[in-house]
All heavy atoms as atom14 arrays in JSON, in Angstrom:
{
  "sequence": "QAGSCSMSVSPVRNVVDNPPIYRVEGDRIVWYALKYEDGDRIKTVLH",
  "atom14_mask": [
    [1, 1, 1, 1, 1, 1, 1, 1, 1, 0, 0, 0, 0, 0],
    [1, 1, 1, 1, 1, 0, 0, 0, 0, 0, 0, 0, 0, 0],
    [1, 1, 1, 1, 0, 0, 0, 0, 0, 0, 0, 0, 0, 0],
    [1, 1, 1, 1, 1, 1, 0, 0, 0, 0, 0, 0, 0, 0],
    [1, 1, 1, 1, 1, 1, 0, 0, 0, 0, 0, 0, 0, 0],
    [1, 1, 1, 1, 1, 1, 0, 0, 0, 0, 0, 0, 0, 0],
    [1, 1, 1, 1, 1, 1, 1, 1, 0, 0, 0, 0, 0, 0],
    [1, 1, 1, 1, 1, 1, 0, 0, 0, 0, 0, 0, 0, 0],
    [1, 1, 1, 1, 1, 1, 1, 0, 0, 0, 0, 0, 0, 0],
    [1, 1, 1, 1, 1, 1, 0, 0, 0, 0, 0, 0, 0, 0],
    [1, 1, 1, 1, 1, 1, 1, 0, 0, 0, 0, 0, 0, 0],
    [1, 1, 1, 1, 1, 1, 1, 0, 0, 0, 0, 0, 0, 0],
    [1, 1, 1, 1, 1, 1, 1, 1, 1, 1, 1, 0, 0, 0],
    [1, 1, 1, 1, 1, 1, 1, 1, 0, 0, 0, 0, 0, 0],
    [1, 1, 1, 1, 1, 1, 1, 0, 0, 0, 0, 0, 0, 0],
    [1, 1, 1, 1, 1, 1, 1, 0, 0, 0, 0, 0, 0, 0],
    [1, 1, 1, 1, 1, 1, 1, 1, 0, 0, 0, 0, 0, 0],
    [1, 1, 1, 1, 1, 1, 1, 1, 0, 0, 0, 0, 0, 0],
    [1, 1, 1, 1, 1, 1, 1, 0, 0, 0, 0, 0, 0, 0],
    [1, 1, 1, 1, 1, 1, 1, 0, 0, 0, 0, 0, 0, 0],
    [1, 1, 1, 1, 1, 1, 1, 1, 0, 0, 0, 0, 0, 0],
    [1, 1, 1, 1, 1, 1, 1, 1, 1, 1, 1, 1, 0, 0],
    [1, 1, 1, 1, 1, 1, 1, 1, 1, 1, 1, 0, 0, 0],
    [1, 1, 1, 1, 1, 1, 1, 0, 0, 0, 0, 0, 0, 0],
    [1, 1, 1, 1, 1, 1, 1, 1, 1, 0, 0, 0, 0, 0],
    [1, 1, 1, 1, 0, 0, 0, 0, 0, 0, 0, 0, 0, 0],
    [1, 1, 1, 1, 1, 1, 1, 1, 0, 0, 0, 0, 0, 0],
    [1, 1, 1, 1, 1, 1, 1, 1, 1, 1, 1, 0, 0, 0],
    [1, 1, 1, 1, 1, 1, 1, 1, 0, 0, 0, 0, 0, 0],
    [1, 1, 1, 1, 1, 1, 1, 0, 0, 0, 0, 0, 0, 0],
    [1, 1, 1, 1, 1, 1, 1, 1, 1, 1, 1, 1, 1, 1],
    [1, 1, 1, 1, 1, 1, 1, 1, 1, 1, 1, 1, 0, 0],
    [1, 1, 1, 1, 1, 0, 0, 0, 0, 0, 0, 0, 0, 0],
    [1, 1, 1, 1, 1, 1, 1, 1, 0, 0, 0, 0, 0, 0],
    [1, 1, 1, 1, 1, 1, 1, 1, 1, 0, 0, 0, 0, 0],
    [1, 1, 1, 1, 1, 1, 1, 1, 1, 1, 1, 1, 0, 0],
    [1, 1, 1, 1, 1, 1, 1, 1, 1, 0, 0, 0, 0, 0],
    [1, 1, 1, 1, 1, 1, 1, 1, 0, 0, 0, 0, 0, 0],
    [1, 1, 1, 1, 0, 0, 0, 0, 0, 0, 0, 0, 0, 0],
    [1, 1, 1, 1, 1, 1, 1, 1, 0, 0, 0, 0, 0, 0],
    [1, 1, 1, 1, 1, 1, 1, 1, 1, 1, 1, 0, 0, 0],
    [1, 1, 1, 1, 1, 1, 1, 1, 0, 0, 0, 0, 0, 0],
    [1, 1, 1, 1, 1, 1, 1, 1, 1, 0, 0, 0, 0, 0],
    [1, 1, 1, 1, 1, 1, 1, 0, 0, 0, 0, 0, 0, 0],
    [1, 1, 1, 1, 1, 1, 1, 0, 0, 0, 0, 0, 0, 0],
    [1, 1, 1, 1, 1, 1, 1, 1, 0, 0, 0, 0, 0, 0],
    [1, 1, 1, 1, 1, 1, 1, 1, 1, 1, 0, 0, 0, 0]
  ],
  "atom14_positions": [
    [[107.39, 57.05, 68.53], [106.06, 56.45, 68.44], [105.41, 56.51, 69.83], [105.98, 57.08, 70.75], [106.17, 55.01, 67.92], [106.78, 54.92, 66.53], [105.99, 55.66, 65.47], [104.76, 55.66, 65.48], [106.69, 56.33, 64.57], [0.0, 0.0, 0.0], [0.0, 0.0, 0.0], [0.0, 0.0, 0.0], [0.0, 0.0, 0.0], [0.0, 0.0, 0.0]],
    [[104.26, 55.9, 69.99], [103.5, 56.01, 71.24], [104.28, 55.53, 72.46], [104.3, 56.21, 73.48], [102.19, 55.24, 71.12], [0.0, 0.0, 0.0], [0.0, 0.0, 0.0], [0.0, 0.0, 0.0], [0.0, 0.0, 0.0], [0.0, 0.0, 0.0], [0.0, 0.0, 0.0], [0.0, 0.0, 0.0], [0.0, 0.0, 0.0], [0.0, 0.0, 0.0]],
    [[104.95, 54.39, 72.4], [105.63, 53.85, 73.58], [107.1, 53.62, 73.42], [107.77, 53.14, 74.33], [0.0, 0.0, 0.0], [0.0, 0.0, 0.0], [0.0, 0.0, 0.0], [0.0, 0.0, 0.0], [0.0, 0.0, 0.0], [0.0, 0.0, 0.0], [0.0, 0.0, 0.0], [0.0, 0.0, 0.0], [0.0, 0.0, 0.0], [0.0, 0.0, 0.0]],
    [[107.65, 53.95, 72.26], [109.07, 53.72, 72.02], [109.56, 54.63, 70.9], [108.77, 55.33, 70.26], [109.32, 52.25, 71.65], [108.75, 51.96, 70.39], [0.0, 0.0, 0.0], [0.0, 0.0, 0.0], [0.0, 0.0, 0.0], [0.0, 0.0, 0.0], [0.0, 0.0, 0.0], [0.0, 0.0, 0.0], [0.0, 0.0, 0.0], [0.0, 0.0, 0.0]],
    [[110.86, 54.59, 70.67], [111.44, 55.37, 69.58], [112.61, 54.6, 68.98], [113.14, 53.68, 69.58], [111.89, 56.75, 70.05], [113.21, 56.73, 71.28], [0.0, 0.0, 0.0], [0.0, 0.0, 0.0], [0.0, 0.0, 0.0], [0.0, 0.0, 0.0], [0.0, 0.0, 0.0], [0.0, 0.0, 0.0], [0.0, 0.0, 0.0], [0.0, 0.0, 0.0]],
    [[112.98, 55.02, 67.78], [114.18, 54.52, 67.12], [115.08, 55.72, 66.88], [114.6, 56.81, 66.57], [113.85, 53.87, 65.79], [113.0, 52.78, 65.97], [0.0, 0.0, 0.0], [0.0, 0.0, 0.0], [0.0, 0.0, 0.0], [0.0, 0.0, 0.0], [0.0, 0.0, 0.0], [0.0, 0.0, 0.0], [0.0, 0.0, 0.0], [0.0, 0.0, 0.0]],
    [[116.37, 55.52, 67.04], [117.33, 56.59, 66.78], [118.57, 56.01, 66.13], [118.88, 54.83, 66.32], [117.7, 57.3, 68.07], [116.59, 58.17, 68.63], [117.11, 59.21, 69.99], [116.91, 58.08, 71.35], [0.0, 0.0, 0.0], [0.0, 0.0, 0.0], [0.0, 0.0, 0.0], [0.0, 0.0, 0.0], [0.0, 0.0, 0.0], [0.0, 0.0, 0.0]],
    [[119.26, 56.84, 65.38], [120.56, 56.45, 64.83], [121.52, 57.62, 64.95], [121.11, 58.78, 64.98], [120.43, 56.01, 63.37], [120.12, 57.1, 62.53], [0.0, 0.0, 0.0], [0.0, 0.0, 0.0], [0.0, 0.0, 0.0], [0.0, 0.0, 0.0], [0.0, 0.0, 0.0], [0.0, 0.0, 0.0], [0.0, 0.0, 0.0], [0.0, 0.0, 0.0]],
    [[122.8, 57.28, 65.02], [123.87, 58.27, 65.07], [124.81, 57.97, 63.92], [125.2, 56.82, 63.72], [124.64, 58.2, 66.42], [125.84, 59.13, 66.4], [123.72, 58.52, 67.59], [0.0, 0.0, 0.0], [0.0, 0.0, 0.0], [0.0, 0.0, 0.0], [0.0, 0.0, 0.0], [0.0, 0.0, 0.0], [0.0, 0.0, 0.0], [0.0, 0.0, 0.0]],
    [[125.18, 59.01, 63.16], [126.13, 58.83, 62.07], [126.89, 60.13, 61.83], [126.41, 61.2, 62.16], [125.4, 58.39, 60.8], [124.54, 59.41, 60.35], [0.0, 0.0, 0.0], [0.0, 0.0, 0.0], [0.0, 0.0, 0.0], [0.0, 0.0, 0.0], [0.0, 0.0, 0.0], [0.0, 0.0, 0.0], [0.0, 0.0, 0.0], [0.0, 0.0, 0.0]],
    [[128.09, 60.1, 61.27], [128.84, 58.87, 60.98], [129.57, 58.37, 62.22], [129.9, 59.15, 63.1], [129.85, 59.33, 59.93], [130.12, 60.76, 60.28], [128.81, 61.3, 60.84], [0.0, 0.0, 0.0], [0.0, 0.0, 0.0], [0.0, 0.0, 0.0], [0.0, 0.0, 0.0], [0.0, 0.0, 0.0], [0.0, 0.0, 0.0], [0.0, 0.0, 0.0]],
    [[129.78, 57.1, 62.27], [130.59, 56.48, 63.31], [131.65, 55.63, 62.63], [131.47, 55.17, 61.52], [129.75, 55.61, 64.29], [128.81, 56.48, 65.1], [128.97, 54.53, 63.56], [0.0, 0.0, 0.0], [0.0, 0.0, 0.0], [0.0, 0.0, 0.0], [0.0, 0.0, 0.0], [0.0, 0.0, 0.0], [0.0, 0.0, 0.0], [0.0, 0.0, 0.0]],
    [[132.76, 55.44, 63.3], [133.89, 54.69, 62.73], [134.29, 53.56, 63.67], [134.2, 53.7, 64.89], [135.11, 55.6, 62.55], [134.85, 56.91, 61.86], [134.86, 56.75, 60.34], [134.84, 58.02, 59.65], [133.75, 58.73, 59.38], [132.59, 58.32, 59.79], [133.8, 59.86, 58.71], [0.0, 0.0, 0.0], [0.0, 0.0, 0.0], [0.0, 0.0, 0.0]],
    [[134.71, 52.47, 63.09], [135.3, 51.36, 63.85], [134.42, 50.88, 65.0], [134.87, 50.73, 66.13], [136.68, 51.76, 64.4], [137.61, 52.21, 63.3], [137.65, 51.61, 62.24], [138.35, 53.27, 63.54], [0.0, 0.0, 0.0], [0.0, 0.0, 0.0], [0.0, 0.0, 0.0], [0.0, 0.0, 0.0], [0.0, 0.0, 0.0], [0.0, 0.0, 0.0]],
    [[133.17, 50.63, 64.72], [132.23, 50.15, 65.73], [131.87, 48.71, 65.4], [131.62, 48.36, 64.25], [130.96, 51.02, 65.76], [129.97, 50.49, 66.78], [131.31, 52.45, 66.06], [0.0, 0.0, 0.0], [0.0, 0.0, 0.0], [0.0, 0.0, 0.0], [0.0, 0.0, 0.0], [0.0, 0.0, 0.0], [0.0, 0.0, 0.0], [0.0, 0.0, 0.0]],
    [[131.85, 47.87, 66.44], [131.49, 46.47, 66.27], [129.98, 46.33, 66.47], [129.42, 46.9, 67.41], [132.25, 45.59, 67.28], [131.82, 44.14, 67.17], [133.74, 45.73, 67.08], [0.0, 0.0, 0.0], [0.0, 0.0, 0.0], [0.0, 0.0, 0.0], [0.0, 0.0, 0.0], [0.0, 0.0, 0.0], [0.0, 0.0, 0.0], [0.0, 0.0, 0.0]],
    [[129.32, 45.59, 65.58], [127.89, 45.35, 65.72], [127.62, 44.66, 67.06], [128.36, 43.76, 67.45], [127.41, 44.47, 64.56], [125.94, 44.66, 64.26], [125.31, 45.56, 64.84], [125.42, 43.89, 63.43], [0.0, 0.0, 0.0], [0.0, 0.0, 0.0], [0.0, 0.0, 0.0], [0.0, 0.0, 0.0], [0.0, 0.0, 0.0], [0.0, 0.0, 0.0]],
    [[126.59, 45.08, 67.77], [126.35, 44.6, 69.12], [124.85, 44.38, 69.38], [124.29, 45.01, 70.26], [126.93, 45.6, 70.12], [126.96, 45.06, 71.53], [126.79, 43.88, 71.76], [127.18, 45.94, 72.47], [0.0, 0.0, 0.0], [0.0, 0.0, 0.0], [0.0, 0.0, 0.0], [0.0, 0.0, 0.0], [0.0, 0.0, 0.0], [0.0, 0.0, 0.0]],
    [[124.19, 43.49, 68.6], [122.78, 43.24, 68.88], [122.62, 42.55, 70.23], [123.52, 41.81, 70.61], [122.33, 42.35, 67.74], [123.54, 41.94, 67.0], [124.72, 42.71, 67.53], [0.0, 0.0, 0.0], [0.0, 0.0, 0.0], [0.0, 0.0, 0.0], [0.0, 0.0, 0.0], [0.0, 0.0, 0.0], [0.0, 0.0, 0.0], [0.0, 0.0, 0.0]],
    [[121.6, 42.73, 71.0], [120.42, 43.57, 70.75], [120.59, 44.99, 71.25], [119.64, 45.76, 71.25], [119.34, 42.86, 71.53], [120.06, 42.34, 72.73], [121.43, 41.94, 72.22], [0.0, 0.0, 0.0], [0.0, 0.0, 0.0], [0.0, 0.0, 0.0], [0.0, 0.0, 0.0], [0.0, 0.0, 0.0], [0.0, 0.0, 0.0], [0.0, 0.0, 0.0]],
    [[121.8, 45.37, 71.68], [122.03, 46.72, 72.2], [121.84, 47.75, 71.09], [121.16, 48.74, 71.25], [123.46, 46.85, 72.8], [123.75, 45.75, 73.81], [123.65, 48.23, 73.4], [122.86, 45.73, 75.03], [0.0, 0.0, 0.0], [0.0, 0.0, 0.0], [0.0, 0.0, 0.0], [0.0, 0.0, 0.0], [0.0, 0.0, 0.0], [0.0, 0.0, 0.0]],
    [[122.48, 47.53, 69.95], [122.33, 48.38, 68.78], [122.76, 47.61, 67.55], [123.29, 46.5, 67.64], [123.14, 49.68, 68.9], [124.62, 49.48, 69.15], [125.48, 49.09, 68.12], [125.18, 49.69, 70.4], [126.83, 48.9, 68.34], [126.53, 49.52, 70.63], [127.34, 49.13, 69.59], [128.68, 48.95, 69.82], [0.0, 0.0, 0.0], [0.0, 0.0, 0.0]],
    [[122.53, 48.17, 66.4], [122.93, 47.59, 65.12], [123.83, 48.57, 64.4], [123.61, 49.77, 64.45], [121.7, 47.35, 64.25], [120.98, 46.11, 64.61], [121.34, 45.15, 63.52], [120.71, 43.88, 63.62], [121.4, 42.77, 63.77], [122.69, 42.79, 63.91], [120.79, 41.63, 63.76], [0.0, 0.0, 0.0], [0.0, 0.0, 0.0], [0.0, 0.0, 0.0]],
    [[124.84, 48.07, 63.73], [125.67, 48.91, 62.87], [125.2, 48.7, 61.44], [125.13, 47.57, 60.96], [127.16, 48.56, 63.01], [127.99, 49.38, 62.03], [127.63, 48.79, 64.43], [0.0, 0.0, 0.0], [0.0, 0.0, 0.0], [0.0, 0.0, 0.0], [0.0, 0.0, 0.0], [0.0, 0.0, 0.0], [0.0, 0.0, 0.0], [0.0, 0.0, 0.0]],
    [[124.81, 49.79, 60.79], [124.37, 49.75, 59.39], [125.17, 50.78, 58.62], [124.93, 51.98, 58.74], [122.87, 50.05, 59.31], [122.01, 49.0, 60.01], [120.52, 49.33, 59.99], [120.14, 50.4, 59.48], [119.76, 48.51, 60.5], [0.0, 0.0, 0.0], [0.0, 0.0, 0.0], [0.0, 0.0, 0.0], [0.0, 0.0, 0.0], [0.0, 0.0, 0.0]],
    [[126.15, 50.32, 57.89], [127.04, 51.24, 57.17], [127.86, 52.05, 58.15], [128.57, 51.5, 58.98], [0.0, 0.0, 0.0], [0.0, 0.0, 0.0], [0.0, 0.0, 0.0], [0.0, 0.0, 0.0], [0.0, 0.0, 0.0], [0.0, 0.0, 0.0], [0.0, 0.0, 0.0], [0.0, 0.0, 0.0], [0.0, 0.0, 0.0], [0.0, 0.0, 0.0]],
    [[127.72, 53.38, 58.09], [128.49, 54.25, 58.98], [127.63, 54.8, 60.11], [127.92, 55.85, 60.66], [129.14, 55.39, 58.2], [128.13, 56.41, 57.7], [126.92, 56.11, 57.67], [128.55, 57.53, 57.36], [0.0, 0.0, 0.0], [0.0, 0.0, 0.0], [0.0, 0.0, 0.0], [0.0, 0.0, 0.0], [0.0, 0.0, 0.0], [0.0, 0.0, 0.0]],
    [[126.57, 54.08, 60.47], [125.71, 54.57, 61.55], [125.35, 53.45, 62.53], [125.33, 52.28, 62.17], [124.45, 55.22, 61.01], [123.51, 54.26, 60.31], [122.37, 55.0, 59.63], [121.42, 54.02, 59.13], [120.13, 54.05, 59.34], [119.6, 55.03, 60.03], [119.35, 53.11, 58.85], [0.0, 0.0, 0.0], [0.0, 0.0, 0.0], [0.0, 0.0, 0.0]],
    [[125.11, 53.86, 63.77], [124.61, 52.95, 64.8], [123.12, 53.2, 64.92], [122.68, 54.35, 64.98], [125.26, 53.23, 66.17], [126.77, 53.04, 66.11], [124.67, 52.31, 67.24], [127.47, 53.41, 67.41], [0.0, 0.0, 0.0], [0.0, 0.0, 0.0], [0.0, 0.0, 0.0], [0.0, 0.0, 0.0], [0.0, 0.0, 0.0], [0.0, 0.0, 0.0]],
    [[122.34, 52.13, 64.94], [120.88, 52.25, 65.0], [120.34, 51.53, 66.22], [120.74, 50.41, 66.53], [120.23, 51.65, 63.73], [118.72, 51.82, 63.77], [120.82, 52.27, 62.48], [0.0, 0.0, 0.0], [0.0, 0.0, 0.0], [0.0, 0.0, 0.0], [0.0, 0.0, 0.0], [0.0, 0.0, 0.0], [0.0, 0.0, 0.0], [0.0, 0.0, 0.0]],
    [[119.44, 52.19, 66.93], [118.73, 51.6, 68.06], [117.27, 51.53, 67.68], [116.67, 52.55, 67.32], [118.86, 52.46, 69.31], [120.22, 52.51, 69.89], [120.69, 51.75, 70.92], [121.29, 53.37, 69.53], [121.98, 52.09, 71.2], [122.38, 53.08, 70.36], [121.45, 54.37, 68.56], [123.59, 53.74, 70.27], [122.65, 55.03, 68.46], [123.71, 54.71, 69.31]],
    [[116.7, 50.34, 67.74], [115.28, 50.16, 67.46], [114.55, 49.9, 68.78], [115.11, 49.35, 69.71], [115.05, 48.95, 66.54], [115.65, 49.14, 65.17], [116.83, 48.5, 64.81], [115.03, 49.95, 64.23], [117.38, 48.67, 63.54], [115.57, 50.12, 62.96], [116.74, 49.48, 62.63], [117.28, 49.66, 61.37], [0.0, 0.0, 0.0], [0.0, 0.0, 0.0]],
    [[113.29, 50.29, 68.84], [112.39, 49.97, 69.96], [112.98, 50.37, 71.31], [113.03, 49.58, 72.24], [112.01, 48.49, 69.95], [0.0, 0.0, 0.0], [0.0, 0.0, 0.0], [0.0, 0.0, 0.0], [0.0, 0.0, 0.0], [0.0, 0.0, 0.0], [0.0, 0.0, 0.0], [0.0, 0.0, 0.0], [0.0, 0.0, 0.0], [0.0, 0.0, 0.0]],
    [[113.45, 51.61, 71.4], [113.91, 52.14, 72.69], [112.66, 52.47, 73.52], [111.93, 53.4, 73.19], [114.74, 53.4, 72.49], [116.11, 53.22, 71.85], [116.64, 54.56, 71.36], [117.07, 52.6, 72.84], [0.0, 0.0, 0.0], [0.0, 0.0, 0.0], [0.0, 0.0, 0.0], [0.0, 0.0, 0.0], [0.0, 0.0, 0.0], [0.0, 0.0, 0.0]],
    [[112.41, 51.7, 74.53], [111.25, 51.94, 75.4], [111.51, 53.16, 76.26], [112.61, 53.36, 76.76], [110.97, 50.73, 76.3], [110.72, 49.45, 75.55], [109.36, 49.47, 74.93], [109.08, 48.13, 74.27], [108.06, 48.2, 73.27], [0.0, 0.0, 0.0], [0.0, 0.0, 0.0], [0.0, 0.0, 0.0], [0.0, 0.0, 0.0], [0.0, 0.0, 0.0]],
    [[110.5, 53.98, 76.42], [110.68, 55.22, 77.17], [111.05, 54.97, 78.63], [111.74, 55.78, 79.23], [109.42, 56.08, 77.09], [109.13, 56.54, 75.68], [107.84, 56.72, 75.24], [110.17, 56.81, 74.79], [107.57, 57.15, 73.95], [109.91, 57.24, 73.5], [108.61, 57.41, 73.09], [108.36, 57.84, 71.82], [0.0, 0.0, 0.0], [0.0, 0.0, 0.0]],
    [[110.62, 53.86, 79.18], [110.96, 53.58, 80.58], [112.38, 53.01, 80.74], [112.82, 52.77, 81.86], [109.94, 52.63, 81.23], [109.74, 51.32, 80.52], [108.68, 51.35, 79.42], [108.15, 52.41, 79.08], [108.39, 50.28, 78.87], [0.0, 0.0, 0.0], [0.0, 0.0, 0.0], [0.0, 0.0, 0.0], [0.0, 0.0, 0.0], [0.0, 0.0, 0.0]],
    [[113.09, 52.81, 79.65], [114.45, 52.27, 79.69], [115.46, 53.39, 79.42], [116.08, 53.46, 78.37], [114.61, 51.14, 78.68], [115.93, 50.4, 78.82], [116.69, 50.73, 79.76], [116.18, 49.5, 78.01], [0.0, 0.0, 0.0], [0.0, 0.0, 0.0], [0.0, 0.0, 0.0], [0.0, 0.0, 0.0], [0.0, 0.0, 0.0], [0.0, 0.0, 0.0]],
    [[115.6, 54.29, 80.38], [116.47, 55.45, 80.22], [117.92, 55.11, 79.98], [118.64, 55.86, 79.33], [0.0, 0.0, 0.0], [0.0, 0.0, 0.0], [0.0, 0.0, 0.0], [0.0, 0.0, 0.0], [0.0, 0.0, 0.0], [0.0, 0.0, 0.0], [0.0, 0.0, 0.0], [0.0, 0.0, 0.0], [0.0, 0.0, 0.0], [0.0, 0.0, 0.0]],
    [[118.39, 53.95, 80.49], [119.79, 53.59, 80.3], [120.12, 53.38, 78.82], [121.2, 53.75, 78.37], [120.14, 52.33, 81.09], [120.23, 52.6, 82.58], [120.37, 53.78, 82.97], [120.14, 51.63, 83.36], [0.0, 0.0, 0.0], [0.0, 0.0, 0.0], [0.0, 0.0, 0.0], [0.0, 0.0, 0.0], [0.0, 0.0, 0.0], [0.0, 0.0, 0.0]],
    [[119.19, 52.8, 78.07], [119.46, 52.61, 76.64], [119.46, 53.95, 75.91], [120.24, 54.16, 74.99], [118.43, 51.67, 76.02], [118.65, 50.22, 76.46], [117.77, 49.24, 75.72], [118.14, 49.17, 74.32], [117.27, 48.9, 73.35], [116.0, 48.68, 73.61], [117.67, 48.83, 72.09], [0.0, 0.0, 0.0], [0.0, 0.0, 0.0], [0.0, 0.0, 0.0]],
    [[118.6, 54.87, 76.33], [118.58, 56.19, 75.7], [119.87, 56.94, 76.05], [120.44, 57.63, 75.2], [117.31, 56.96, 76.1], [116.08, 56.24, 75.51], [117.38, 58.42, 75.64], [114.76, 56.78, 75.94], [0.0, 0.0, 0.0], [0.0, 0.0, 0.0], [0.0, 0.0, 0.0], [0.0, 0.0, 0.0], [0.0, 0.0, 0.0], [0.0, 0.0, 0.0]],
    [[120.37, 56.78, 77.27], [121.65, 57.39, 77.64], [122.78, 56.85, 76.78], [123.73, 57.56, 76.48], [121.95, 57.14, 79.12], [121.11, 57.95, 80.06], [121.46, 57.61, 81.5], [120.53, 58.28, 82.48], [120.8, 57.87, 83.86], [0.0, 0.0, 0.0], [0.0, 0.0, 0.0], [0.0, 0.0, 0.0], [0.0, 0.0, 0.0], [0.0, 0.0, 0.0]],
    [[122.7, 55.6, 76.37], [123.71, 55.0, 75.49], [123.75, 55.74, 74.16], [124.83, 55.97, 73.6], [123.42, 53.5, 75.26], [123.44, 52.84, 76.51], [124.45, 52.87, 74.34], [0.0, 0.0, 0.0], [0.0, 0.0, 0.0], [0.0, 0.0, 0.0], [0.0, 0.0, 0.0], [0.0, 0.0, 0.0], [0.0, 0.0, 0.0], [0.0, 0.0, 0.0]],
    [[122.58, 56.13, 73.63], [122.54, 56.89, 72.39], [123.31, 58.2, 72.56], [124.13, 58.58, 71.72], [121.09, 57.18, 71.96], [121.06, 58.05, 70.71], [120.32, 55.88, 71.72], [0.0, 0.0, 0.0], [0.0, 0.0, 0.0], [0.0, 0.0, 0.0], [0.0, 0.0, 0.0], [0.0, 0.0, 0.0], [0.0, 0.0, 0.0], [0.0, 0.0, 0.0]],
    [[123.06, 58.9, 73.66], [123.73, 60.17, 73.92], [125.24, 59.97, 74.07], [126.04, 60.77, 73.57], [123.15, 60.83, 75.16], [121.65, 61.14, 75.1], [121.15, 61.61, 76.45], [121.36, 62.17, 74.01], [0.0, 0.0, 0.0], [0.0, 0.0, 0.0], [0.0, 0.0, 0.0], [0.0, 0.0, 0.0], [0.0, 0.0, 0.0], [0.0, 0.0, 0.0]],
    [[125.63, 58.88, 74.74], [127.05, 58.56, 74.91], [127.72, 58.33, 73.55], [128.8, 58.86, 73.26], [127.18, 57.33, 75.8], [128.57, 56.91, 76.06], [129.41, 57.57, 76.93], [129.3, 55.88, 75.54], [130.59, 56.96, 76.93], [130.54, 55.95, 76.11], [0.0, 0.0, 0.0], [0.0, 0.0, 0.0], [0.0, 0.0, 0.0], [0.0, 0.0, 0.0]]
  ]
}
């Protein structure tokens, strides 16, 4: 979107839900409202 993005990675196994860092929904990890100026959170998605 204009100032942020949402991303998810799937499938993932044995992950503990960790709000507000990310959410576990079924077999995927979801990140909502990743601000573009917060590169560390986007690096977490890549990790």
